[in-house]
Amino acid sequence: MNLREVLKEFYRLKFGQEFGREAQKLEEVFIFLLFADYFGLSTPLKFYLIELYPELVEEFHKWHKKLGLVNSPLDWIKCC
């Protein structure tokens, strides 16, 4: 194993997991903001996010599965 591979592995172990956790937190906040308007919370992002809705239904599906819900918690979003 050369020095480059050792440093690459060190970086991955030291910082890679932390970056992954932060990315996951940001994704969860983004999904919450996307659907916050439907929960009754007014957000200024609704005008920007309406175009992304078709692409993010799959992300919503992953989100509610991660929460442990078998089906969508919202009756009007049929992702399953």
PDB file of N, CA and C in Angstrom:
ATOM      1  N   MET A   1       0.848  -1.174   0.000  1.00  0.00           N
ATOM      2  CA  MET A   1       0.000   0.000   0.000  1.00  0.00           C
ATOM      3  C   MET A   1       0.895   1.240   0.000  1.00  0.00           C
ATOM      4  N   ASN A   2       0.702   2.111  -0.959  1.00  0.00           N
ATOM      5  CA  ASN A   2       1.531   3.307  -1.002  1.00  0.00           C
ATOM      6  C   ASN A   2       0.921   4.434  -0.174  1.00  0.00           C
ATOM      7  N   LEU A   3       1.661   5.508  -0.045  1.00  0.00           N
ATOM      8  CA  LEU A   3       1.246   6.629   0.804  1.00  0.00           C
ATOM      9  C   LEU A   3      -0.055   7.262   0.310  1.00  0.00           C
ATOM     10  N   ARG A   4      -0.219   7.347  -1.000  1.00  0.00           N
ATOM     11  CA  ARG A   4      -1.442   7.936  -1.559  1.00  0.00           C
ATOM     12  C   ARG A   4      -2.683   7.148  -1.131  1.00  0.00           C
ATOM     13  N   GLU A   5      -2.633   5.853  -1.206  1.00  0.00           N
ATOM     14  CA  GLU A   5      -3.765   5.007  -0.817  1.00  0.00           C
ATOM     15  C   GLU A   5      -4.033   5.109   0.683  1.00  0.00           C
ATOM     16  N   VAL A   6      -2.982   5.176   1.471  1.00  0.00           N
ATOM     17  CA  VAL A   6      -3.135   5.303   2.920  1.00  0.00           C
ATOM     18  C   VAL A   6      -3.819   6.618   3.263  1.00  0.00           C
ATOM     19  N   LEU A   7      -3.375   7.705   2.647  1.00  0.00           N
ATOM     20  CA  LEU A   7      -3.979   9.011   2.912  1.00  0.00           C
ATOM     21  C   LEU A   7      -5.427   9.076   2.429  1.00  0.00           C
ATOM     22  N   LYS A   8      -5.682   8.458   1.293  1.00  0.00           N
ATOM     23  CA  LYS A   8      -7.052   8.425   0.769  1.00  0.00           C
ATOM     24  C   LYS A   8      -7.981   7.672   1.725  1.00  0.00           C
ATOM     25  N   GLU A   9      -7.532   6.554   2.233  1.00  0.00           N
ATOM     26  CA  GLU A   9      -8.331   5.767   3.177  1.00  0.00           C
ATOM     27  C   GLU A   9      -8.508   6.513   4.498  1.00  0.00           C
ATOM     28  N   PHE A  10      -7.461   7.184   4.961  1.00  0.00           N
ATOM     29  CA  PHE A  10      -7.557   7.981   6.183  1.00  0.00           C
ATOM     30  C   PHE A  10      -8.604   9.076   6.027  1.00  0.00           C
ATOM     31  N   TYR A  11      -8.561   9.773   4.910  1.00  0.00           N
ATOM     32  CA  TYR A  11      -9.525  10.836   4.654  1.00  0.00           C
ATOM     33  C   TYR A  11     -10.943  10.280   4.621  1.00  0.00           C
ATOM     34  N   ARG A  12     -11.128   9.158   3.938  1.00  0.00           N
ATOM     35  CA  ARG A  12     -12.461   8.559   3.843  1.00  0.00           C
ATOM     36  C   ARG A  12     -12.996   8.186   5.220  1.00  0.00           C
ATOM     37  N   LEU A  13     -12.156   7.583   6.047  1.00  0.00           N
ATOM     38  CA  LEU A  13     -12.596   7.170   7.375  1.00  0.00           C
ATOM     39  C   LEU A  13     -12.804   8.357   8.307  1.00  0.00           C
ATOM     40  N   LYS A  14     -11.948   9.353   8.208  1.00  0.00           N
ATOM     41  CA  LYS A  14     -12.005  10.492   9.126  1.00  0.00           C
ATOM     42  C   LYS A  14     -13.139  11.452   8.782  1.00  0.00           C
ATOM     43  N   PHE A  15     -13.279  11.788   7.506  1.00  0.00           N
ATOM     44  CA  PHE A  15     -14.217  12.832   7.112  1.00  0.00           C
ATOM     45  C   PHE A  15     -15.404  12.335   6.293  1.00  0.00           C
ATOM     46  N   GLY A  16     -15.282  11.214   5.647  1.00  0.00           N
ATOM     47  CA  GLY A  16     -16.339  10.732   4.763  1.00  0.00           C
ATOM     48  C   GLY A  16     -17.651  10.466   5.472  1.00  0.00           C
ATOM     49  N   GLN A  17     -17.593   9.866   6.652  1.00  0.00           N
ATOM     50  CA  GLN A  17     -18.825   9.566   7.390  1.00  0.00           C
ATOM     51  C   GLN A  17     -19.505  10.847   7.855  1.00  0.00           C
ATOM     52  N   GLU A  18     -18.708  11.820   8.286  1.00  0.00           N
ATOM     53  CA  GLU A  18     -19.292  13.078   8.755  1.00  0.00           C
ATOM     54  C   GLU A  18     -19.966  13.822   7.607  1.00  0.00           C
ATOM     55  N   PHE A  19     -19.325  13.856   6.447  1.00  0.00           N
ATOM     56  CA  PHE A  19     -19.937  14.494   5.286  1.00  0.00           C
ATOM     57  C   PHE A  19     -21.212  13.767   4.883  1.00  0.00           C
ATOM     58  N   GLY A  20     -21.210  12.470   4.981  1.00  0.00           N
ATOM     59  CA  GLY A  20     -22.405  11.694   4.658  1.00  0.00           C
ATOM     60  C   GLY A  20     -23.562  12.001   5.598  1.00  0.00           C
ATOM     61  N   ARG A  21     -23.255  12.116   6.897  1.00  0.00           N
ATOM     62  CA  ARG A  21     -24.309  12.455   7.864  1.00  0.00           C
ATOM     63  C   ARG A  21     -24.869  13.848   7.615  1.00  0.00           C
ATOM     64  N   GLU A  22     -24.002  14.805   7.319  1.00  0.00           N
ATOM     65  CA  GLU A  22     -24.466  16.163   7.037  1.00  0.00           C
ATOM     66  C   GLU A  22     -25.314  16.209   5.774  1.00  0.00           C
ATOM     67  N   ALA A  23     -24.916  15.461   4.761  1.00  0.00           N
ATOM     68  CA  ALA A  23     -25.700  15.409   3.527  1.00  0.00           C
ATOM     69  C   ALA A  23     -27.075  14.811   3.792  1.00  0.00           C
ATOM     70  N   GLN A  24     -27.143  13.799   4.646  1.00  0.00           N
ATOM     71  CA  GLN A  24     -28.415  13.177   4.984  1.00  0.00           C
ATOM     72  C   GLN A  24     -29.306  14.155   5.746  1.00  0.00           C
ATOM     73  N   LYS A  25     -28.730  14.920   6.667  1.00  0.00           N
ATOM     74  CA  LYS A  25     -29.508  15.926   7.403  1.00  0.00           C
ATOM     75  C   LYS A  25     -30.062  16.984   6.463  1.00  0.00           C
ATOM     76  N   LEU A  26     -29.236  17.454   5.538  1.00  0.00           N
ATOM     77  CA  LEU A  26     -29.700  18.454   4.578  1.00  0.00           C
ATOM     78  C   LEU A  26     -30.810  17.908   3.693  1.00  0.00           C
ATOM     79  N   GLU A  27     -30.693  16.665   3.302  1.00  0.00           N
ATOM     80  CA  GLU A  27     -31.731  16.048   2.482  1.00  0.00           C
ATOM     81  C   GLU A  27     -33.047  15.955   3.252  1.00  0.00           C
ATOM     82  N   GLU A  28     -32.974  15.598   4.529  1.00  0.00           N
ATOM     83  CA  GLU A  28     -34.187  15.502   5.338  1.00  0.00           C
ATOM     84  C   GLU A  28     -34.854  16.864   5.503  1.00  0.00           C
ATOM     85  N   VAL A  29     -34.062  17.908   5.708  1.00  0.00           N
ATOM     86  CA  VAL A  29     -34.617  19.261   5.824  1.00  0.00           C
ATOM     87  C   VAL A  29     -35.255  19.669   4.504  1.00  0.00           C
ATOM     88  N   PHE A  30     -34.594  19.348   3.408  1.00  0.00           N
ATOM     89  CA  PHE A  30     -35.137  19.689   2.096  1.00  0.00           C
ATOM     90  C   PHE A  30     -36.469  19.001   1.852  1.00  0.00           C
ATOM     91  N   ILE A  31     -36.560  17.720   2.158  1.00  0.00           N
ATOM     92  CA  ILE A  31     -37.812  16.984   1.988  1.00  0.00           C
ATOM     93  C   ILE A  31     -38.898  17.571   2.889  1.00  0.00           C
ATOM     94  N   PHE A  32     -38.539  17.919   4.124  1.00  0.00           N
ATOM     95  CA  PHE A  32     -39.519  18.521   5.017  1.00  0.00           C
ATOM     96  C   PHE A  32     -40.029  19.841   4.448  1.00  0.00           C
ATOM     97  N   LEU A  33     -39.127  20.688   3.952  1.00  0.00           N
ATOM     98  CA  LEU A  33     -39.553  21.959   3.383  1.00  0.00           C
ATOM     99  C   LEU A  33     -40.416  21.762   2.150  1.00  0.00           C
ATOM    100  N   LEU A  34     -40.111  20.733   1.390  1.00  0.00           N
ATOM    101  CA  LEU A  34     -40.898  20.456   0.198  1.00  0.00           C
ATOM    102  C   LEU A  34     -42.350  20.167   0.543  1.00  0.00           C
ATOM    103  N   PHE A  35     -42.560  19.383   1.573  1.00  0.00           N
ATOM    104  CA  PHE A  35     -43.913  18.971   1.928  1.00  0.00           C
ATOM    105  C   PHE A  35     -44.511  19.757   3.095  1.00  0.00           C
ATOM    106  N   ALA A  36     -43.800  20.755   3.601  1.00  0.00           N
ATOM    107  CA  ALA A  36     -44.304  21.532   4.729  1.00  0.00           C
ATOM    108  C   ALA A  36     -45.582  22.290   4.373  1.00  0.00           C
ATOM    109  N   ASP A  37     -45.654  22.760   3.158  1.00  0.00           N
ATOM    110  CA  ASP A  37     -46.851  23.493   2.748  1.00  0.00           C
ATOM    111  C   ASP A  37     -48.083  22.606   2.817  1.00  0.00           C
ATOM    112  N   TYR A  38     -47.930  21.338   2.494  1.00  0.00           N
ATOM    113  CA  TYR A  38     -49.056  20.413   2.539  1.00  0.00           C
ATOM    114  C   TYR A  38     -49.453  20.064   3.963  1.00  0.00           C
ATOM    115  N   PHE A  39     -48.529  20.254   4.891  1.00  0.00           N
ATOM    116  CA  PHE A  39     -48.853  20.033   6.300  1.00  0.00           C
ATOM    117  C   PHE A  39     -49.474  21.279   6.929  1.00  0.00           C
ATOM    118  N   GLY A  40     -49.576  22.354   6.160  1.00  0.00           N
ATOM    119  CA  GLY A  40     -50.178  23.569   6.666  1.00  0.00           C
ATOM    120  C   GLY A  40     -49.179  24.625   7.075  1.00  0.00           C
ATOM    121  N   LEU A  41     -47.907  24.386   6.882  1.00  0.00           N
ATOM    122  CA  LEU A  41     -46.892  25.379   7.210  1.00  0.00           C
ATOM    123  C   LEU A  41     -46.563  26.168   5.955  1.00  0.00           C
ATOM    124  N   SER A  42     -46.672  27.465   6.046  1.00  0.00           N
ATOM    125  CA  SER A  42     -46.410  28.302   4.893  1.00  0.00           C
ATOM    126  C   SER A  42     -44.904  28.513   4.738  1.00  0.00           C
ATOM    127  N   THR A  43     -44.406  28.277   3.548  1.00  0.00           N
ATOM    128  CA  THR A  43     -42.983  28.491   3.272  1.00  0.00           C
ATOM    129  C   THR A  43     -42.836  29.257   1.965  1.00  0.00           C
ATOM    130  N   PRO A  44     -41.821  30.091   1.849  1.00  0.00           N
ATOM    131  CA  PRO A  44     -41.611  30.805   0.585  1.00  0.00           C
ATOM    132  C   PRO A  44     -41.038  29.919  -0.508  1.00  0.00           C
ATOM    133  N   LEU A  45     -40.641  28.713  -0.160  1.00  0.00           N
ATOM    134  CA  LEU A  45     -40.024  27.820  -1.138  1.00  0.00           C
ATOM    135  C   LEU A  45     -41.042  27.118  -2.036  1.00  0.00           C
ATOM    136  N   LYS A  46     -42.329  27.223  -1.713  1.00  0.00           N
ATOM    137  CA  LYS A  46     -43.313  26.449  -2.469  1.00  0.00           C
ATOM    138  C   LYS A  46     -43.344  26.826  -3.946  1.00  0.00           C
ATOM    139  N   PHE A  47     -43.068  28.068  -4.254  1.00  0.00           N
ATOM    140  CA  PHE A  47     -43.091  28.476  -5.656  1.00  0.00           C
ATOM    141  C   PHE A  47     -41.908  27.908  -6.431  1.00  0.00           C
ATOM    142  N   TYR A  48     -40.794  27.719  -5.761  1.00  0.00           N
ATOM    143  CA  TYR A  48     -39.606  27.183  -6.415  1.00  0.00           C
ATOM    144  C   TYR A  48     -39.651  25.658  -6.503  1.00  0.00           C
ATOM    145  N   LEU A  49     -40.300  25.028  -5.550  1.00  0.00           N
ATOM    146  CA  LEU A  49     -40.267  23.578  -5.470  1.00  0.00           C
ATOM    147  C   LEU A  49     -41.374  22.879  -6.248  1.00  0.00           C
ATOM    148  N   ILE A  50     -42.385  23.612  -6.683  1.00  0.00           N
ATOM    149  CA  ILE A  50     -43.503  22.968  -7.364  1.00  0.00           C
ATOM    150  C   ILE A  50     -43.050  22.293  -8.656  1.00  0.00           C
ATOM    151  N   GLU A  51     -42.027  22.841  -9.308  1.00  0.00           N
ATOM    152  CA  GLU A  51     -41.522  22.228 -10.533  1.00  0.00           C
ATOM    153  C   GLU A  51     -40.782  20.928 -10.253  1.00  0.00           C
ATOM    154  N   LEU A  52     -40.258  20.772  -9.057  1.00  0.00           N
ATOM    155  CA  LEU A  52     -39.496  19.584  -8.705  1.00  0.00           C
ATOM    156  C   LEU A  52     -40.369  18.453  -8.162  1.00  0.00           C
ATOM    157  N   TYR A  53     -41.638  18.722  -7.939  1.00  0.00           N
ATOM    158  CA  TYR A  53     -42.514  17.742  -7.295  1.00  0.00           C
ATOM    159  C   TYR A  53     -42.488  16.358  -7.958  1.00  0.00           C
ATOM    160  N   PRO A  54     -42.624  16.254  -9.280  1.00  0.00           N
ATOM    161  CA  PRO A  54     -42.631  14.901  -9.878  1.00  0.00           C
ATOM    162  C   PRO A  54     -41.348  14.110  -9.610  1.00  0.00           C
ATOM    163  N   GLU A  55     -40.221  14.800  -9.619  1.00  0.00           N
ATOM    164  CA  GLU A  55     -38.961  14.105  -9.392  1.00  0.00           C
ATOM    165  C   GLU A  55     -38.771  13.722  -7.926  1.00  0.00           C
ATOM    166  N   LEU A  56     -39.389  14.465  -7.024  1.00  0.00           N
ATOM    167  CA  LEU A  56     -39.146  14.236  -5.605  1.00  0.00           C
ATOM    168  C   LEU A  56     -40.149  13.315  -4.928  1.00  0.00           C
ATOM    169  N   VAL A  57     -41.130  12.829  -5.663  1.00  0.00           N
ATOM    170  CA  VAL A  57     -42.062  11.872  -5.072  1.00  0.00           C
ATOM    171  C   VAL A  57     -41.315  10.614  -4.632  1.00  0.00           C
ATOM    172  N   GLU A  58     -40.341  10.205  -5.431  1.00  0.00           N
ATOM    173  CA  GLU A  58     -39.534   9.030  -5.057  1.00  0.00           C
ATOM    174  C   GLU A  58     -38.736   9.300  -3.786  1.00  0.00           C
ATOM    175  N   GLU A  59     -38.211  10.516  -3.645  1.00  0.00           N
ATOM    176  CA  GLU A  59     -37.495  10.878  -2.415  1.00  0.00           C
ATOM    177  C   GLU A  59     -38.442  10.870  -1.217  1.00  0.00           C
ATOM    178  N   PHE A  60     -39.678  11.313  -1.419  1.00  0.00           N
ATOM    179  CA  PHE A  60     -40.677  11.261  -0.351  1.00  0.00           C
ATOM    180  C   PHE A  60     -40.938   9.818   0.062  1.00  0.00           C
ATOM    181  N   HIS A  61     -40.981   8.930  -0.914  1.00  0.00           N
ATOM    182  CA  HIS A  61     -41.192   7.512  -0.632  1.00  0.00           C
ATOM    183  C   HIS A  61     -40.054   6.974   0.243  1.00  0.00           C
ATOM    184  N   LYS A  62     -38.814   7.280  -0.106  1.00  0.00           N
ATOM    185  CA  LYS A  62     -37.669   6.846   0.706  1.00  0.00           C
ATOM    186  C   LYS A  62     -37.739   7.438   2.107  1.00  0.00           C
ATOM    187  N   TRP A  63     -38.180   8.692   2.197  1.00  0.00           N
ATOM    188  CA  TRP A  63     -38.259   9.394   3.483  1.00  0.00           C
ATOM    189  C   TRP A  63     -39.249   8.704   4.410  1.00  0.00           C
ATOM    190  N   HIS A  64     -40.449   8.404   3.935  1.00  0.00           N
ATOM    191  CA  HIS A  64     -41.429   7.792   4.840  1.00  0.00           C
ATOM    192  C   HIS A  64     -41.063   6.344   5.145  1.00  0.00           C
ATOM    193  N   LYS A  65     -40.362   5.667   4.231  1.00  0.00           N
ATOM    194  CA  LYS A  65     -39.871   4.319   4.539  1.00  0.00           C
ATOM    195  C   LYS A  65     -38.816   4.377   5.638  1.00  0.00           C
ATOM    196  N   LYS A  66     -37.959   5.403   5.597  1.00  0.00           N
ATOM    197  CA  LYS A  66     -36.918   5.559   6.605  1.00  0.00           C
ATOM    198  C   LYS A  66     -37.537   5.840   7.976  1.00  0.00           C
ATOM    199  N   LEU A  67     -38.692   6.490   7.979  1.00  0.00           N
ATOM    200  CA  LEU A  67     -39.389   6.759   9.238  1.00  0.00           C
ATOM    201  C   LEU A  67     -40.082   5.517   9.786  1.00  0.00           C
ATOM    202  N   GLY A  68     -40.146   4.464   8.991  1.00  0.00           N
ATOM    203  CA  GLY A  68     -40.772   3.228   9.440  1.00  0.00           C
ATOM    204  C   GLY A  68     -42.225   3.094   9.036  1.00  0.00           C
ATOM    205  N   LEU A  69     -42.702   3.979   8.178  1.00  0.00           N
ATOM    206  CA  LEU A  69     -44.082   3.929   7.722  1.00  0.00           C
ATOM    207  C   LEU A  69     -44.154   3.097   6.442  1.00  0.00           C
ATOM    208  N   VAL A  70     -45.015   2.106   6.435  1.00  0.00           N
ATOM    209  CA  VAL A  70     -45.109   1.212   5.280  1.00  0.00           C
ATOM    210  C   VAL A  70     -45.694   1.940   4.083  1.00  0.00           C
ATOM    211  N   ASN A  71     -46.763   2.694   4.291  1.00  0.00           N
ATOM    212  CA  ASN A  71     -47.413   3.450   3.222  1.00  0.00           C
ATOM    213  C   ASN A  71     -47.238   4.935   3.476  1.00  0.00           C
ATOM    214  N   SER A  72     -47.557   5.715   2.462  1.00  0.00           N
ATOM    215  CA  SER A  72     -47.454   7.168   2.581  1.00  0.00           C
ATOM    216  C   SER A  72     -48.338   7.665   3.722  1.00  0.00           C
ATOM    217  N   PRO A  73     -47.824   8.553   4.585  1.00  0.00           N
ATOM    218  CA  PRO A  73     -48.651   9.068   5.669  1.00  0.00           C
ATOM    219  C   PRO A  73     -49.700  10.068   5.189  1.00  0.00           C
ATOM    220  N   LEU A  74     -49.602  10.493   3.962  1.00  0.00           N
ATOM    221  CA  LEU A  74     -50.542  11.462   3.408  1.00  0.00           C
ATOM    222  C   LEU A  74     -51.433  10.778   2.381  1.00  0.00           C
ATOM    223  N   ASP A  75     -52.726  10.929   2.528  1.00  0.00           N
ATOM    224  CA  ASP A  75     -53.673  10.260   1.643  1.00  0.00           C
ATOM    225  C   ASP A  75     -53.571  10.734   0.186  1.00  0.00           C
ATOM    226  N   TRP A  76     -53.219  11.991  -0.014  1.00  0.00           N
ATOM    227  CA  TRP A  76     -53.232  12.548  -1.342  1.00  0.00           C
ATOM    228  C   TRP A  76     -51.904  12.387  -2.086  1.00  0.00           C
ATOM    229  N   ILE A  77     -50.887  11.789  -1.437  1.00  0.00           N
ATOM    230  CA  ILE A  77     -49.637  11.454  -2.126  1.00  0.00           C
ATOM    231  C   ILE A  77     -49.566   9.940  -2.216  1.00  0.00           C
ATOM    232  N   LYS A  78     -49.742   9.434  -3.389  1.00  0.00           N
ATOM    233  CA  LYS A  78     -49.694   7.991  -3.616  1.00  0.00           C
ATOM    234  C   LYS A  78     -48.342   7.637  -4.229  1.00  0.00           C
ATOM    235  N   CYS A  79     -47.393   7.310  -3.392  1.00  0.00           N
ATOM    236  CA  CYS A  79     -46.072   6.966  -3.920  1.00  0.00           C
ATOM    237  C   CYS A  79     -45.828   5.466  -3.848  1.00  0.00           C
ATOM    238  N   CYS A  80     -46.634   4.736  -3.134  1.00  0.00           N
ATOM    239  CA  CYS A  80     -46.423   3.297  -2.985  1.00  0.00           C
ATOM    240  C   CYS A  80     -47.329   2.495  -3.905  1.00  0.00           C
TER     241      CYS A  80
END
